[in-house]
Amino acid sequence: MMTTLRIAVLCGLCLFCTKAFAEEPLFFSVLNQRSATLTAQYWNPILSYVSVRSGVPLRLKMGRTAPETTAMTVRGDFAFAYTNHLFTPKRDLLGWRVIARPAGKGIQGAIVVPETSPVKTLTDLAGKEVGFPSPEAFVGYWVPMDALLKAGVEVKPTFAGNQEGVMGQLKAGRIIAAAVNAQVMESYARREHFLYRTIWQSEAYLDLPVMAHPRCLATRWRRLEMPWLK
């Protein structure tokens, strides 16, 4: 997922952050998209590798929902965060900085329905209950909601707390359609053997980045950063 170069950047930041955060483990948050178990299965090997390379223990920590994790991130509970919920004018003032980003084609928002659903277009959703991960989800709320509004379609939003939460509601038949991260939806459907159709999909946007807390970005690190990124 991360290139070797980008992991090296994270290792370098870890070494510097030991002074900023004393000798305690550095907390690394991941925005809630999948279940806590699946998130841990994916991220713990990465964090273990970085911990060994840097000599600094990293510990995965998340809230129960995406809004809760974001609130903890804004509060400064973490040294690093894998998130795209900090790109607002107000949160930009907090000083978090992008240090790495997954390689790949990016992420896309999508509105999906079960394969057997009679819904064919966005207009078929008018007045219906549509599921979203959370009010702050970029490709799971802001992008698809913008498309709905531009199409003149008003829906009744309901929020599940994370990406796979809303997918589970769709699979269980609790909602008629779901706005999701298209890539996460593909993985979920493959794992859960769930057949679905996409009735709308956005252009590609940059994937979620790994961001560092400003306490990890003092002048000394800035001088060391450029050789890694060139």
Foldseek 3Di string as FASTA:
>chain_A
DWDPLLLVLVLLLQLLCCVLVPQDAFEEEEQFADQPVVVCVPCVVSQVVSCVVNVGHYDYDADRFRVRRVVCVLVPVGQKYQDDLQPDPVSVVQPKFFRTADDDDAWKKFKKAAPPAPDQALQVQAAFEEEFADCRDVSRHVVVVVVCVVVVGDHHYDHQRHNVSRVVCRQVVVGGMGIHTVVSNVVVCVVVVTHMDTNDMDHGDGHGGMIGGVSSVDPVVVVVRVVSVD
